[in-house]
Amino acid sequence: MTTDNFSRAWSSVLAVADKLGIEPMDVMLCVPELASSESGLTFPEVAALCASEIYLGKR
């Protein structure tokens, strides 16, 4: 992962977390777990899935 990629990834997480009113770090902690079980998804897709599950109380 490059610095540029990390910056874009964090920006994606901050945007979705802010819109849903959840903690960005909760999303970042969820991403590695879901990324390994949901192969084929991009980082933004996994981050959005994590954020949705956190928002809905499933995580």
PDB file of N, CA and C in Angstrom:
ATOM      1  N   MET A   1       0.850  -1.170   0.000  1.00  0.00           N
ATOM      2  CA  MET A   1       0.000   0.000   0.000  1.00  0.00           C
ATOM      3  C   MET A   1       0.900   1.239   0.000  1.00  0.00           C
ATOM      4  N   THR A   2       0.610   2.145  -0.890  1.00  0.00           N
ATOM      5  CA  THR A   2       1.378   3.384  -0.966  1.00  0.00           C
ATOM      6  C   THR A   2       0.739   4.457  -0.095  1.00  0.00           C
ATOM      7  N   THR A   3       1.477   5.526   0.132  1.00  0.00           N
ATOM      8  CA  THR A   3       0.943   6.640   0.910  1.00  0.00           C
ATOM      9  C   THR A   3      -0.291   7.218   0.237  1.00  0.00           C
ATOM     10  N   ASP A   4      -0.246   7.305  -1.088  1.00  0.00           N
ATOM     11  CA  ASP A   4      -1.389   7.826  -1.836  1.00  0.00           C
ATOM     12  C   ASP A   4      -2.611   6.920  -1.679  1.00  0.00           C
ATOM     13  N   ASN A   5      -2.403   5.623  -1.781  1.00  0.00           N
ATOM     14  CA  ASN A   5      -3.510   4.674  -1.605  1.00  0.00           C
ATOM     15  C   ASN A   5      -4.081   4.757  -0.195  1.00  0.00           C
ATOM     16  N   PHE A   6      -3.201   4.858   0.794  1.00  0.00           N
ATOM     17  CA  PHE A   6      -3.655   4.945   2.181  1.00  0.00           C
ATOM     18  C   PHE A   6      -4.500   6.200   2.380  1.00  0.00           C
ATOM     19  N   SER A   7      -4.049   7.291   1.794  1.00  0.00           N
ATOM     20  CA  SER A   7      -4.784   8.555   1.917  1.00  0.00           C
ATOM     21  C   SER A   7      -6.169   8.447   1.295  1.00  0.00           C
ATOM     22  N   ARG A   8      -6.249   7.846   0.107  1.00  0.00           N
ATOM     23  CA  ARG A   8      -7.558   7.679  -0.536  1.00  0.00           C
ATOM     24  C   ARG A   8      -8.446   6.730   0.247  1.00  0.00           C
ATOM     25  N   ALA A   9      -7.850   5.662   0.784  1.00  0.00           N
ATOM     26  CA  ALA A   9      -8.621   4.701   1.572  1.00  0.00           C
ATOM     27  C   ALA A   9      -9.193   5.372   2.820  1.00  0.00           C
ATOM     28  N   TRP A  10      -8.367   6.122   3.525  1.00  0.00           N
ATOM     29  CA  TRP A  10      -8.821   6.785   4.739  1.00  0.00           C
ATOM     30  C   TRP A  10      -9.896   7.812   4.411  1.00  0.00           C
ATOM     31  N   SER A  11      -9.737   8.533   3.302  1.00  0.00           N
ATOM     32  CA  SER A  11     -10.747   9.511   2.889  1.00  0.00           C
ATOM     33  C   SER A  11     -12.090   8.833   2.647  1.00  0.00           C
ATOM     34  N   SER A  12     -12.064   7.660   2.027  1.00  0.00           N
ATOM     35  CA  SER A  12     -13.297   6.899   1.781  1.00  0.00           C
ATOM     36  C   SER A  12     -13.973   6.525   3.093  1.00  0.00           C
ATOM     37  N   VAL A  13     -13.166   6.051   4.032  1.00  0.00           N
ATOM     38  CA  VAL A  13     -13.703   5.640   5.334  1.00  0.00           C
ATOM     39  C   VAL A  13     -14.276   6.844   6.072  1.00  0.00           C
ATOM     40  N   LEU A  14     -13.558   7.959   6.074  1.00  0.00           N
ATOM     41  CA  LEU A  14     -14.049   9.151   6.766  1.00  0.00           C
ATOM     42  C   LEU A  14     -15.365   9.636   6.175  1.00  0.00           C
ATOM     43  N   ALA A  15     -15.469   9.596   4.865  1.00  0.00           N
ATOM     44  CA  ALA A  15     -16.695  10.065   4.207  1.00  0.00           C
ATOM     45  C   ALA A  15     -17.899   9.220   4.605  1.00  0.00           C
ATOM     46  N   VAL A  16     -17.762   7.911   4.537  1.00  0.00           N
ATOM     47  CA  VAL A  16     -18.899   7.040   4.856  1.00  0.00           C
ATOM     48  C   VAL A  16     -19.211   7.075   6.349  1.00  0.00           C
ATOM     49  N   ALA A  17     -18.186   7.126   7.191  1.00  0.00           N
ATOM     50  CA  ALA A  17     -18.411   7.155   8.636  1.00  0.00           C
ATOM     51  C   ALA A  17     -19.109   8.449   9.047  1.00  0.00           C
ATOM     52  N   ASP A  18     -18.699   9.545   8.438  1.00  0.00           N
ATOM     53  CA  ASP A  18     -19.311  10.829   8.756  1.00  0.00           C
ATOM     54  C   ASP A  18     -20.791  10.841   8.368  1.00  0.00           C
ATOM     55  N   LYS A  19     -21.105  10.308   7.216  1.00  0.00           N
ATOM     56  CA  LYS A  19     -22.498  10.289   6.752  1.00  0.00           C
ATOM     57  C   LYS A  19     -23.387   9.421   7.636  1.00  0.00           C
ATOM     58  N   LEU A  20     -22.819   8.350   8.176  1.00  0.00           N
ATOM     59  CA  LEU A  20     -23.617   7.430   8.993  1.00  0.00           C
ATOM     60  C   LEU A  20     -23.522   7.717  10.486  1.00  0.00           C
ATOM     61  N   GLY A  21     -22.610   8.614  10.872  1.00  0.00           N
ATOM     62  CA  GLY A  21     -22.459   8.932  12.288  1.00  0.00           C
ATOM     63  C   GLY A  21     -21.825   7.820  13.089  1.00  0.00           C
ATOM     64  N   ILE A  22     -20.868   7.120  12.484  1.00  0.00           N
ATOM     65  CA  ILE A  22     -20.167   6.041  13.181  1.00  0.00           C
ATOM     66  C   ILE A  22     -18.683   6.382  13.263  1.00  0.00           C
ATOM     67  N   GLU A  23     -17.956   5.625  14.061  1.00  0.00           N
ATOM     68  CA  GLU A  23     -16.535   5.879  14.256  1.00  0.00           C
ATOM     69  C   GLU A  23     -15.713   5.310  13.090  1.00  0.00           C
ATOM     70  N   PRO A  24     -14.876   6.140  12.473  1.00  0.00           N
ATOM     71  CA  PRO A  24     -14.049   5.672  11.350  1.00  0.00           C
ATOM     72  C   PRO A  24     -13.138   4.508  11.729  1.00  0.00           C
ATOM     73  N   MET A  25     -12.610   4.525  12.949  1.00  0.00           N
ATOM     74  CA  MET A  25     -11.698   3.455  13.354  1.00  0.00           C
ATOM     75  C   MET A  25     -12.409   2.117  13.419  1.00  0.00           C
ATOM     76  N   ASP A  26     -13.691   2.121  13.769  1.00  0.00           N
ATOM     77  CA  ASP A  26     -14.460   0.875  13.783  1.00  0.00           C
ATOM     78  C   ASP A  26     -14.520   0.277  12.376  1.00  0.00           C
ATOM     79  N   VAL A  27     -14.673   1.143  11.386  1.00  0.00           N
ATOM     80  CA  VAL A  27     -14.701   0.681   9.997  1.00  0.00           C
ATOM     81  C   VAL A  27     -13.339   0.104   9.615  1.00  0.00           C
ATOM     82  N   MET A  28     -12.271   0.822   9.950  1.00  0.00           N
ATOM     83  CA  MET A  28     -10.928   0.359   9.584  1.00  0.00           C
ATOM     84  C   MET A  28     -10.584  -0.964  10.249  1.00  0.00           C
ATOM     85  N   LEU A  29     -11.062  -1.184  11.457  1.00  0.00           N
ATOM     86  CA  LEU A  29     -10.798  -2.448  12.138  1.00  0.00           C
ATOM     87  C   LEU A  29     -11.591  -3.597  11.524  1.00  0.00           C
ATOM     88  N   CYS A  30     -12.719  -3.288  10.962  1.00  0.00           N
ATOM     89  CA  CYS A  30     -13.571  -4.298  10.334  1.00  0.00           C
ATOM     90  C   CYS A  30     -13.053  -4.720   8.949  1.00  0.00           C
ATOM     91  N   VAL A  31     -12.448  -3.796   8.237  1.00  0.00           N
ATOM     92  CA  VAL A  31     -12.058  -4.031   6.840  1.00  0.00           C
ATOM     93  C   VAL A  31     -11.201  -5.285   6.650  1.00  0.00           C
ATOM     94  N   PRO A  32     -10.114  -5.492   7.413  1.00  0.00           N
ATOM     95  CA  PRO A  32      -9.303  -6.695   7.168  1.00  0.00           C
ATOM     96  C   PRO A  32     -10.087  -7.998   7.336  1.00  0.00           C
ATOM     97  N   GLU A  33     -10.970  -8.008   8.324  1.00  0.00           N
ATOM     98  CA  GLU A  33     -11.777  -9.209   8.573  1.00  0.00           C
ATOM     99  C   GLU A  33     -12.699  -9.509   7.397  1.00  0.00           C
ATOM    100  N   LEU A  34     -13.416  -8.509   6.931  1.00  0.00           N
ATOM    101  CA  LEU A  34     -14.339  -8.721   5.814  1.00  0.00           C
ATOM    102  C   LEU A  34     -13.613  -8.905   4.489  1.00  0.00           C
ATOM    103  N   ALA A  35     -12.502  -8.225   4.323  1.00  0.00           N
ATOM    104  CA  ALA A  35     -11.761  -8.326   3.059  1.00  0.00           C
ATOM    105  C   ALA A  35     -11.298  -9.759   2.818  1.00  0.00           C
ATOM    106  N   SER A  36     -10.957 -10.465   3.885  1.00  0.00           N
ATOM    107  CA  SER A  36     -10.506 -11.845   3.714  1.00  0.00           C
ATOM    108  C   SER A  36     -11.668 -12.792   3.424  1.00  0.00           C
ATOM    109  N   SER A  37     -12.863 -12.456   3.901  1.00  0.00           N
ATOM    110  CA  SER A  37     -14.002 -13.352   3.687  1.00  0.00           C
ATOM    111  C   SER A  37     -14.832 -12.971   2.461  1.00  0.00           C
ATOM    112  N   GLU A  38     -14.686 -11.755   1.978  1.00  0.00           N
ATOM    113  CA  GLU A  38     -15.464 -11.279   0.827  1.00  0.00           C
ATOM    114  C   GLU A  38     -14.527 -11.029  -0.351  1.00  0.00           C
ATOM    115  N   SER A  39     -13.897 -12.071  -0.832  1.00  0.00           N
ATOM    116  CA  SER A  39     -12.922 -11.905  -1.908  1.00  0.00           C
ATOM    117  C   SER A  39     -13.583 -11.337  -3.162  1.00  0.00           C
ATOM    118  N   GLY A  40     -12.821 -10.541  -3.863  1.00  0.00           N
ATOM    119  CA  GLY A  40     -13.324  -9.954  -5.090  1.00  0.00           C
ATOM    120  C   GLY A  40     -13.859  -8.547  -4.922  1.00  0.00           C
ATOM    121  N   LEU A  41     -14.037  -8.093  -3.682  1.00  0.00           N
ATOM    122  CA  LEU A  41     -14.532  -6.739  -3.455  1.00  0.00           C
ATOM    123  C   LEU A  41     -13.370  -5.760  -3.383  1.00  0.00           C
ATOM    124  N   THR A  42     -13.602  -4.538  -3.822  1.00  0.00           N
ATOM    125  CA  THR A  42     -12.595  -3.496  -3.725  1.00  0.00           C
ATOM    126  C   THR A  42     -12.606  -2.916  -2.308  1.00  0.00           C
ATOM    127  N   PHE A  43     -11.576  -2.148  -1.979  1.00  0.00           N
ATOM    128  CA  PHE A  43     -11.521  -1.544  -0.647  1.00  0.00           C
ATOM    129  C   PHE A  43     -12.750  -0.684  -0.366  1.00  0.00           C
ATOM    130  N   PRO A  44     -13.137   0.216  -1.276  1.00  0.00           N
ATOM    131  CA  PRO A  44     -14.334   1.021  -0.983  1.00  0.00           C
ATOM    132  C   PRO A  44     -15.587   0.174  -0.756  1.00  0.00           C
ATOM    133  N   GLU A  45     -15.708  -0.933  -1.487  1.00  0.00           N
ATOM    134  CA  GLU A  45     -16.874  -1.807  -1.300  1.00  0.00           C
ATOM    135  C   GLU A  45     -16.848  -2.468   0.080  1.00  0.00           C
ATOM    136  N   VAL A  46     -15.670  -2.941   0.488  1.00  0.00           N
ATOM    137  CA  VAL A  46     -15.553  -3.575   1.803  1.00  0.00           C
ATOM    138  C   VAL A  46     -15.789  -2.545   2.907  1.00  0.00           C
ATOM    139  N   ALA A  47     -15.233  -1.352   2.744  1.00  0.00           N
ATOM    140  CA  ALA A  47     -15.430  -0.301   3.738  1.00  0.00           C
ATOM    141  C   ALA A  47     -16.911   0.060   3.858  1.00  0.00           C
ATOM    142  N   ALA A  48     -17.592   0.144   2.736  1.00  0.00           N
ATOM    143  CA  ALA A  48     -19.023   0.458   2.753  1.00  0.00           C
ATOM    144  C   ALA A  48     -19.817  -0.667   3.418  1.00  0.00           C
ATOM    145  N   LEU A  49     -19.459  -1.895   3.144  1.00  0.00           N
ATOM    146  CA  LEU A  49     -20.128  -3.040   3.765  1.00  0.00           C
ATOM    147  C   LEU A  49     -19.910  -3.021   5.280  1.00  0.00           C
ATOM    148  N   CYS A  50     -18.672  -2.774   5.692  1.00  0.00           N
ATOM    149  CA  CYS A  50     -18.382  -2.676   7.126  1.00  0.00           C
ATOM    150  C   CYS A  50     -19.193  -1.557   7.765  1.00  0.00           C
ATOM    151  N   ALA A  51     -19.183  -0.399   7.143  1.00  0.00           N
ATOM    152  CA  ALA A  51     -19.915   0.749   7.688  1.00  0.00           C
ATOM    153  C   ALA A  51     -21.398   0.440   7.803  1.00  0.00           C
ATOM    154  N   SER A  52     -21.949  -0.200   6.801  1.00  0.00           N
ATOM    155  CA  SER A  52     -23.370  -0.558   6.831  1.00  0.00           C
ATOM    156  C   SER A  52     -23.678  -1.508   7.974  1.00  0.00           C
ATOM    157  N   GLU A  53     -22.832  -2.513   8.155  1.00  0.00           N
ATOM    158  CA  GLU A  53     -23.059  -3.479   9.227  1.00  0.00           C
ATOM    159  C   GLU A  53     -22.919  -2.831  10.595  1.00  0.00           C
ATOM    160  N   ILE A  54     -21.950  -1.934  10.747  1.00  0.00           N
ATOM    161  CA  ILE A  54     -21.782  -1.224  12.012  1.00  0.00           C
ATOM    162  C   ILE A  54     -23.000  -0.347  12.280  1.00  0.00           C
ATOM    163  N   TYR A  55     -23.421   0.375  11.278  1.00  0.00           N
ATOM    164  CA  TYR A  55     -24.582   1.270  11.405  1.00  0.00           C
ATOM    165  C   TYR A  55     -25.844   0.500  11.787  1.00  0.00           C
ATOM    166  N   LEU A  56     -26.003  -0.672  11.207  1.00  0.00           N
ATOM    167  CA  LEU A  56     -27.203  -1.480  11.471  1.00  0.00           C
ATOM    168  C   LEU A  56     -27.097  -2.314  12.757  1.00  0.00           C
ATOM    169  N   GLY A  57     -25.952  -2.212  13.434  1.00  0.00           N
ATOM    170  CA  GLY A  57     -25.769  -2.937  14.689  1.00  0.00           C
ATOM    171  C   GLY A  57     -25.411  -4.389  14.521  1.00  0.00           C
ATOM    172  N   LYS A  58     -24.979  -4.782  13.337  1.00  0.00           N
ATOM    173  CA  LYS A  58     -24.618  -6.173  13.090  1.00  0.00           C
ATOM    174  C   LYS A  58     -23.163  -6.460  13.474  1.00  0.00           C
ATOM    175  N   ARG A  59     -22.409  -5.430  13.806  1.00  0.00           N
ATOM    176  CA  ARG A  59     -20.995  -5.562  14.228  1.00  0.00           C
ATOM    177  C   ARG A  59     -20.796  -4.811  15.498  1.00  0.00           C
TER     178      ARG A  59
END
